[in-house]
């Protein structure tokens, strides 16, 4: 059975897969370690009891001097918006709250990517071993699609909570009420669904290839 007109044209896939499999495995373990480190950091932050001036600020928050020569903080909302707020109104609890929200967002992102790296590692290992028509490959692709759908929903919720915490902490001025809008990100469903469809098509190809080989083997025996 001739799979491709020019088989050598696709041989590079095996070489690339031999590199991507251990890379995905390494990323899997790095993600696990990173989750543990973030949990440890959260515990350490909980017990920190220093003045606001001595508190180590998160990467999205920086000290500055406003136009009126007032000591302030700039807070990057990561949506193209930067807020400047006077330092005098910021408490240690405020800084801890936004650190926790940001840490939760990072952990949610890693929780999504960790299983994806594991599935990709198995998928690329099979490809590197030239097991192109293993139905396990299709299962790994489908699992990646499911992880993308579920993971993106969790990450989106964590991200909205993070932005809500920033807004509620630094923009809740004059008694204004700030509510969180949960909503739903259809992009994750579309992308994840497309990956699942590709995995299902791959699975059909593997099943047909297996049945063809079984039929040919029976014919030869007869």
C-alpha atoms as a PDB file:
ATOM      1  CA  UNK A   1       0.000   0.000   0.000  1.00  0.00           C
ATOM      2  CA  UNK A   2       1.616   3.221  -1.156  1.00  0.00           C
ATOM      3  CA  UNK A   3       0.813   5.893   1.396  1.00  0.00           C
ATOM      4  CA  UNK A   4       2.475   8.853  -0.290  1.00  0.00           C
ATOM      5  CA  UNK A   5       3.710   9.602  -3.780  1.00  0.00           C
ATOM      6  CA  UNK A   6       7.045  10.650  -2.353  1.00  0.00           C
ATOM      7  CA  UNK A   7       7.586   8.974   0.995  1.00  0.00           C
ATOM      8  CA  UNK A   8      10.982  10.605   1.603  1.00  0.00           C
ATOM      9  CA  UNK A   9       9.256  13.972   1.502  1.00  0.00           C
ATOM     10  CA  UNK A  10       7.714  13.266   4.928  1.00  0.00           C
ATOM     11  CA  UNK A  11      10.617  11.507   6.617  1.00  0.00           C
ATOM     12  CA  UNK A  12      11.525  14.701   8.475  1.00  0.00           C
ATOM     13  CA  UNK A  13       8.378  14.182  10.588  1.00  0.00           C
ATOM     14  CA  UNK A  14      10.013  11.226  12.357  1.00  0.00           C
ATOM     15  CA  UNK A  15      13.137  13.246  13.158  1.00  0.00           C
ATOM     16  CA  UNK A  16      11.094  16.197  14.440  1.00  0.00           C
ATOM     17  CA  UNK A  17       8.940  13.873  16.546  1.00  0.00           C
ATOM     18  CA  UNK A  18      12.033  12.346  18.143  1.00  0.00           C
ATOM     19  CA  UNK A  19      12.861  15.849  19.391  1.00  0.00           C
ATOM     20  CA  UNK A  20       9.312  16.926  20.293  1.00  0.00           C
ATOM     21  CA  UNK A  21       8.517  13.867  22.414  1.00  0.00           C
ATOM     22  CA  UNK A  22      11.192  14.468  25.099  1.00  0.00           C
ATOM     23  CA  UNK A  23      10.577  18.222  24.832  1.00  0.00           C
ATOM     24  CA  UNK A  24       6.891  17.702  25.647  1.00  0.00           C
ATOM     25  CA  UNK A  25       7.836  15.332  28.481  1.00  0.00           C
ATOM     26  CA  UNK A  26      10.198  17.953  29.915  1.00  0.00           C
ATOM     27  CA  UNK A  27       7.475  20.599  29.617  1.00  0.00           C
ATOM     28  CA  UNK A  28       5.108  18.247  31.485  1.00  0.00           C
ATOM     29  CA  UNK A  29       7.457  17.947  34.459  1.00  0.00           C
ATOM     30  CA  UNK A  30       8.315  21.660  34.382  1.00  0.00           C
ATOM     31  CA  UNK A  31       4.601  22.442  34.573  1.00  0.00           C
ATOM     32  CA  UNK A  32       4.144  20.186  37.601  1.00  0.00           C
ATOM     33  CA  UNK A  33       7.123  21.746  39.383  1.00  0.00           C
ATOM     34  CA  UNK A  34       5.874  25.239  38.510  1.00  0.00           C
ATOM     35  CA  UNK A  35       2.443  24.477  40.003  1.00  0.00           C
ATOM     36  CA  UNK A  36       4.083  23.296  43.230  1.00  0.00           C
ATOM     37  CA  UNK A  37       6.291  26.401  43.360  1.00  0.00           C
ATOM     38  CA  UNK A  38       3.293  28.689  42.859  1.00  0.00           C
ATOM     39  CA  UNK A  39       1.444  26.941  45.693  1.00  0.00           C
ATOM     40  CA  UNK A  40       4.495  27.359  47.945  1.00  0.00           C
ATOM     41  CA  UNK A  41       4.776  31.032  46.978  1.00  0.00           C
ATOM     42  CA  UNK A  42       1.091  31.545  47.849  1.00  0.00           C
ATOM     43  CA  UNK A  43       1.657  30.037  51.295  1.00  0.00           C
ATOM     44  CA  UNK A  44       4.719  32.255  51.841  1.00  0.00           C
ATOM     45  CA  UNK A  45       2.784  35.378  50.776  1.00  0.00           C
ATOM     46  CA  UNK A  46       0.030  34.483  53.264  1.00  0.00           C
ATOM     47  CA  UNK A  47       2.493  34.671  56.158  1.00  0.00           C
ATOM     48  CA  UNK A  48       4.267  37.825  54.955  1.00  0.00           C
ATOM     49  CA  UNK A  49       3.699  40.712  57.342  1.00  0.00           C
ATOM     50  CA  UNK A  50       5.655  43.780  56.237  1.00  0.00           C
ATOM     51  CA  UNK A  51       4.867  47.370  55.346  1.00  0.00           C
ATOM     52  CA  UNK A  52       3.527  48.127  51.893  1.00  0.00           C
ATOM     53  CA  UNK A  53       6.793  49.877  50.970  1.00  0.00           C
ATOM     54  CA  UNK A  54       8.783  46.714  51.753  1.00  0.00           C
ATOM     55  CA  UNK A  55       6.415  44.314  49.996  1.00  0.00           C
ATOM     56  CA  UNK A  56       7.758  42.639  46.879  1.00  0.00           C
ATOM     57  CA  UNK A  57       5.387  43.689  44.097  1.00  0.00           C
ATOM     58  CA  UNK A  58       3.992  41.325  41.444  1.00  0.00           C
ATOM     59  CA  UNK A  59       5.323  41.793  37.870  1.00  0.00           C
ATOM     60  CA  UNK A  60       2.203  43.681  36.692  1.00  0.00           C
ATOM     61  CA  UNK A  61       2.530  46.303  39.451  1.00  0.00           C
ATOM     62  CA  UNK A  62       5.291  48.930  39.586  1.00  0.00           C
ATOM     63  CA  UNK A  63       6.141  51.974  41.687  1.00  0.00           C
ATOM     64  CA  UNK A  64       6.025  55.342  39.961  1.00  0.00           C
ATOM     65  CA  UNK A  65       5.526  59.066  40.510  1.00  0.00           C
ATOM     66  CA  UNK A  66       2.329  60.508  39.070  1.00  0.00           C
ATOM     67  CA  UNK A  67       2.074  63.827  37.231  1.00  0.00           C
ATOM     68  CA  UNK A  68       1.287  65.559  40.524  1.00  0.00           C
ATOM     69  CA  UNK A  69       4.494  64.224  42.090  1.00  0.00           C
ATOM     70  CA  UNK A  70       2.447  61.797  44.151  1.00  0.00           C
ATOM     71  CA  UNK A  71       3.994  58.368  44.939  1.00  0.00           C
ATOM     72  CA  UNK A  72       1.842  55.886  43.043  1.00  0.00           C
ATOM     73  CA  UNK A  73       1.602  52.418  41.567  1.00  0.00           C
ATOM     74  CA  UNK A  74       1.015  51.541  37.929  1.00  0.00           C
ATOM     75  CA  UNK A  75      -1.077  48.428  37.438  1.00  0.00           C
ATOM     76  CA  UNK A  76      -1.080  46.685  34.060  1.00  0.00           C
ATOM     77  CA  UNK A  77      -4.463  45.028  33.421  1.00  0.00           C
ATOM     78  CA  UNK A  78      -3.033  43.011  30.481  1.00  0.00           C
ATOM     79  CA  UNK A  79      -5.889  44.189  28.242  1.00  0.00           C
ATOM     80  CA  UNK A  80      -4.211  47.326  26.931  1.00  0.00           C
ATOM     81  CA  UNK A  81      -5.126  49.307  30.057  1.00  0.00           C
ATOM     82  CA  UNK A  82      -2.715  50.638  32.690  1.00  0.00           C
ATOM     83  CA  UNK A  83      -4.071  52.236  35.854  1.00  0.00           C
ATOM     84  CA  UNK A  84      -2.181  54.666  38.094  1.00  0.00           C
ATOM     85  CA  UNK A  85      -3.315  54.709  41.721  1.00  0.00           C
ATOM     86  CA  UNK A  86      -1.901  56.676  44.694  1.00  0.00           C
ATOM     87  CA  UNK A  87       0.307  54.568  46.932  1.00  0.00           C
ATOM     88  CA  UNK A  88      -1.294  55.955  50.086  1.00  0.00           C
ATOM     89  CA  UNK A  89      -4.574  54.162  49.405  1.00  0.00           C
ATOM     90  CA  UNK A  90      -3.022  50.729  48.830  1.00  0.00           C
ATOM     91  CA  UNK A  91      -2.816  48.269  51.711  1.00  0.00           C
ATOM     92  CA  UNK A  92      -0.836  45.085  52.196  1.00  0.00           C
ATOM     93  CA  UNK A  93      -4.081  43.142  51.906  1.00  0.00           C
ATOM     94  CA  UNK A  94      -4.731  44.720  48.498  1.00  0.00           C
ATOM     95  CA  UNK A  95      -1.353  43.597  47.184  1.00  0.00           C
ATOM     96  CA  UNK A  96      -1.810  40.097  48.587  1.00  0.00           C
ATOM     97  CA  UNK A  97      -5.277  39.822  47.030  1.00  0.00           C
ATOM     98  CA  UNK A  98      -4.044  40.612  43.522  1.00  0.00           C
ATOM     99  CA  UNK A  99      -1.053  38.290  43.981  1.00  0.00           C
ATOM    100  CA  UNK A 100      -3.412  35.441  44.916  1.00  0.00           C
ATOM    101  CA  UNK A 101      -5.664  36.167  41.914  1.00  0.00           C
ATOM    102  CA  UNK A 102      -2.671  36.297  39.551  1.00  0.00           C
ATOM    103  CA  UNK A 103      -1.243  33.088  41.029  1.00  0.00           C
ATOM    104  CA  UNK A 104      -4.609  31.363  40.599  1.00  0.00           C
ATOM    105  CA  UNK A 105      -4.623  32.394  36.928  1.00  0.00           C
ATOM    106  CA  UNK A 106      -1.105  31.018  36.417  1.00  0.00           C
ATOM    107  CA  UNK A 107      -1.955  27.739  38.163  1.00  0.00           C
ATOM    108  CA  UNK A 108      -5.128  27.361  36.048  1.00  0.00           C
ATOM    109  CA  UNK A 109      -3.074  27.888  32.876  1.00  0.00           C
ATOM    110  CA  UNK A 110      -0.516  25.280  33.935  1.00  0.00           C
ATOM    111  CA  UNK A 111      -3.262  22.837  34.917  1.00  0.00           C
ATOM    112  CA  UNK A 112      -4.563  23.100  31.359  1.00  0.00           C
ATOM    113  CA  UNK A 113      -1.177  22.672  29.673  1.00  0.00           C
ATOM    114  CA  UNK A 114       0.164  19.874  31.903  1.00  0.00           C
ATOM    115  CA  UNK A 115      -2.053  17.058  30.515  1.00  0.00           C
ATOM    116  CA  UNK A 116      -1.705  18.483  26.994  1.00  0.00           C
ATOM    117  CA  UNK A 117       2.083  18.114  27.233  1.00  0.00           C
ATOM    118  CA  UNK A 118       1.627  14.542  28.493  1.00  0.00           C
ATOM    119  CA  UNK A 119      -0.675  13.592  25.606  1.00  0.00           C
ATOM    120  CA  UNK A 120       1.593  15.228  23.037  1.00  0.00           C
ATOM    121  CA  UNK A 121       4.607  13.413  24.452  1.00  0.00           C
ATOM    122  CA  UNK A 122       2.903  10.037  23.892  1.00  0.00           C
ATOM    123  CA  UNK A 123       1.694  11.090  20.448  1.00  0.00           C
ATOM    124  CA  UNK A 124       5.117  12.227  19.236  1.00  0.00           C
ATOM    125  CA  UNK A 125       6.793   9.129  20.721  1.00  0.00           C
ATOM    126  CA  UNK A 126       4.514   6.915  18.650  1.00  0.00           C
ATOM    127  CA  UNK A 127       5.251   8.959  15.527  1.00  0.00           C
ATOM    128  CA  UNK A 128       8.998   8.821  16.217  1.00  0.00           C
ATOM    129  CA  UNK A 129       8.717   5.028  16.477  1.00  0.00           C
ATOM    130  CA  UNK A 130       6.863   5.079  13.114  1.00  0.00           C
ATOM    131  CA  UNK A 131       3.636   3.805  14.624  1.00  0.00           C
ATOM    132  CA  UNK A 132       1.652   6.074  12.334  1.00  0.00           C
ATOM    133  CA  UNK A 133      -1.518   4.015  12.338  1.00  0.00           C
ATOM    134  CA  UNK A 134      -1.768   3.311  16.038  1.00  0.00           C
ATOM    135  CA  UNK A 135      -5.256   4.161  17.286  1.00  0.00           C
ATOM    136  CA  UNK A 136      -3.555   5.437  20.429  1.00  0.00           C
ATOM    137  CA  UNK A 137      -2.470   8.447  18.353  1.00  0.00           C
ATOM    138  CA  UNK A 138      -6.096   9.328  17.639  1.00  0.00           C
ATOM    139  CA  UNK A 139      -6.958   8.989  21.334  1.00  0.00           C
ATOM    140  CA  UNK A 140      -4.129  11.355  22.284  1.00  0.00           C
ATOM    141  CA  UNK A 141      -5.336  13.950  19.774  1.00  0.00           C
ATOM    142  CA  UNK A 142      -8.906  13.671  21.077  1.00  0.00           C
ATOM    143  CA  UNK A 143      -7.684  14.073  24.651  1.00  0.00           C
ATOM    144  CA  UNK A 144      -5.787  17.195  23.669  1.00  0.00           C
ATOM    145  CA  UNK A 145      -9.024  18.578  22.228  1.00  0.00           C
ATOM    146  CA  UNK A 146     -10.951  17.800  25.419  1.00  0.00           C
ATOM    147  CA  UNK A 147      -8.176  19.347  27.537  1.00  0.00           C
ATOM    148  CA  UNK A 148      -8.284  22.497  25.388  1.00  0.00           C
ATOM    149  CA  UNK A 149     -12.052  22.855  25.838  1.00  0.00           C
ATOM    150  CA  UNK A 150     -12.174  22.186  29.590  1.00  0.00           C
ATOM    151  CA  UNK A 151      -8.859  23.892  30.322  1.00  0.00           C
ATOM    152  CA  UNK A 152      -9.744  27.065  28.452  1.00  0.00           C
ATOM    153  CA  UNK A 153     -13.014  27.376  30.365  1.00  0.00           C
ATOM    154  CA  UNK A 154     -11.133  27.120  33.666  1.00  0.00           C
ATOM    155  CA  UNK A 155      -8.401  29.532  32.529  1.00  0.00           C
ATOM    156  CA  UNK A 156     -10.976  32.020  31.263  1.00  0.00           C
ATOM    157  CA  UNK A 157     -12.793  31.980  34.603  1.00  0.00           C
ATOM    158  CA  UNK A 158      -9.512  32.407  36.500  1.00  0.00           C
ATOM    159  CA  UNK A 159      -8.455  35.259  34.199  1.00  0.00           C
ATOM    160  CA  UNK A 160     -11.765  37.084  34.625  1.00  0.00           C
ATOM    161  CA  UNK A 161     -11.513  36.674  38.386  1.00  0.00           C
ATOM    162  CA  UNK A 162      -7.973  38.104  38.227  1.00  0.00           C
ATOM    163  CA  UNK A 163      -9.104  41.148  36.216  1.00  0.00           C
ATOM    164  CA  UNK A 164     -12.115  41.551  38.528  1.00  0.00           C
ATOM    165  CA  UNK A 165      -9.802  41.526  41.564  1.00  0.00           C
ATOM    166  CA  UNK A 166      -7.566  44.187  40.004  1.00  0.00           C
ATOM    167  CA  UNK A 167     -10.554  46.373  39.114  1.00  0.00           C
ATOM    168  CA  UNK A 168     -12.276  45.878  42.456  1.00  0.00           C
ATOM    169  CA  UNK A 169      -9.054  46.697  44.305  1.00  0.00           C
ATOM    170  CA  UNK A 170      -7.794  49.687  42.344  1.00  0.00           C
ATOM    171  CA  UNK A 171     -10.857  51.075  40.535  1.00  0.00           C
ATOM    172  CA  UNK A 172     -13.565  50.751  43.183  1.00  0.00           C
ATOM    173  CA  UNK A 173     -13.585  54.451  44.020  1.00  0.00           C
ATOM    174  CA  UNK A 174     -16.449  56.563  45.295  1.00  0.00           C
ATOM    175  CA  UNK A 175     -18.610  53.568  46.179  1.00  0.00           C
ATOM    176  CA  UNK A 176     -18.787  52.259  42.614  1.00  0.00           C
ATOM    177  CA  UNK A 177     -19.865  48.641  42.311  1.00  0.00           C
ATOM    178  CA  UNK A 178     -17.781  46.382  40.078  1.00  0.00           C
ATOM    179  CA  UNK A 179     -19.244  43.015  39.146  1.00  0.00           C
ATOM    180  CA  UNK A 180     -17.624  40.027  37.485  1.00  0.00           C
ATOM    181  CA  UNK A 181     -19.032  38.862  34.153  1.00  0.00           C
ATOM    182  CA  UNK A 182     -18.547  35.133  33.668  1.00  0.00           C
ATOM    183  CA  UNK A 183     -19.716  34.724  30.074  1.00  0.00           C
ATOM    184  CA  UNK A 184     -18.397  31.960  27.824  1.00  0.00           C
ATOM    185  CA  UNK A 185     -15.461  31.848  25.441  1.00  0.00           C
ATOM    186  CA  UNK A 186     -16.614  30.061  22.286  1.00  0.00           C
ATOM    187  CA  UNK A 187     -13.075  30.029  20.886  1.00  0.00           C
ATOM    188  CA  UNK A 188     -12.096  27.156  23.185  1.00  0.00           C
ATOM    189  CA  UNK A 189     -15.098  25.118  22.067  1.00  0.00           C
ATOM    190  CA  UNK A 190     -14.357  25.795  18.387  1.00  0.00           C
ATOM    191  CA  UNK A 191     -10.609  25.063  18.603  1.00  0.00           C
ATOM    192  CA  UNK A 192     -11.040  22.057  20.895  1.00  0.00           C
ATOM    193  CA  UNK A 193     -13.887  20.699  18.774  1.00  0.00           C
ATOM    194  CA  UNK A 194     -11.783  21.035  15.626  1.00  0.00           C
ATOM    195  CA  UNK A 195      -8.935  19.113  17.283  1.00  0.00           C
ATOM    196  CA  UNK A 196     -11.363  16.369  18.324  1.00  0.00           C
ATOM    197  CA  UNK A 197     -12.677  16.152  14.747  1.00  0.00           C
ATOM    198  CA  UNK A 198      -9.104  15.778  13.455  1.00  0.00           C
ATOM    199  CA  UNK A 199      -8.468  13.065  16.040  1.00  0.00           C
ATOM    200  CA  UNK A 200     -11.648  11.248  15.013  1.00  0.00           C
ATOM    201  CA  UNK A 201     -10.687  11.392  11.330  1.00  0.00           C
ATOM    202  CA  UNK A 202      -7.241  10.092  12.246  1.00  0.00           C
ATOM    203  CA  UNK A 203      -8.902   7.290  14.229  1.00  0.00           C
ATOM    204  CA  UNK A 204     -11.058   6.358  11.210  1.00  0.00           C
ATOM    205  CA  UNK A 205      -7.942   6.206   9.034  1.00  0.00           C
ATOM    206  CA  UNK A 206      -6.193   3.974  11.587  1.00  0.00           C
ATOM    207  CA  UNK A 207      -9.207   1.669  11.820  1.00  0.00           C
ATOM    208  CA  UNK A 208      -9.483   1.388   8.040  1.00  0.00           C
ATOM    209  CA  UNK A 209      -5.773   0.698   7.729  1.00  0.00           C
ATOM    210  CA  UNK A 210      -6.034  -2.047  10.375  1.00  0.00           C
ATOM    211  CA  UNK A 211      -9.025  -3.673   8.665  1.00  0.00           C
ATOM    212  CA  UNK A 212      -7.281  -3.513   5.275  1.00  0.00           C
ATOM    213  CA  UNK A 213      -4.208  -5.240   6.692  1.00  0.00           C
ATOM    214  CA  UNK A 214      -6.344  -7.917   8.356  1.00  0.00           C
ATOM    215  CA  UNK A 215      -8.228  -8.538   5.083  1.00  0.00           C
ATOM    216  CA  UNK A 216      -4.980  -8.756   3.102  1.00  0.00           C
ATOM    217  CA  UNK A 217      -3.511 -11.155   5.661  1.00  0.00           C
ATOM    218  CA  UNK A 218      -6.580 -13.415   5.461  1.00  0.00           C
ATOM    219  CA  UNK A 219      -6.409 -13.336   1.645  1.00  0.00           C
ATOM    220  CA  UNK A 220      -2.746 -14.333   1.663  1.00  0.00           C
ATOM    221  CA  UNK A 221      -3.413 -17.218   4.063  1.00  0.00           C
ATOM    222  CA  UNK A 222      -6.252 -18.517   1.913  1.00  0.00           C
END
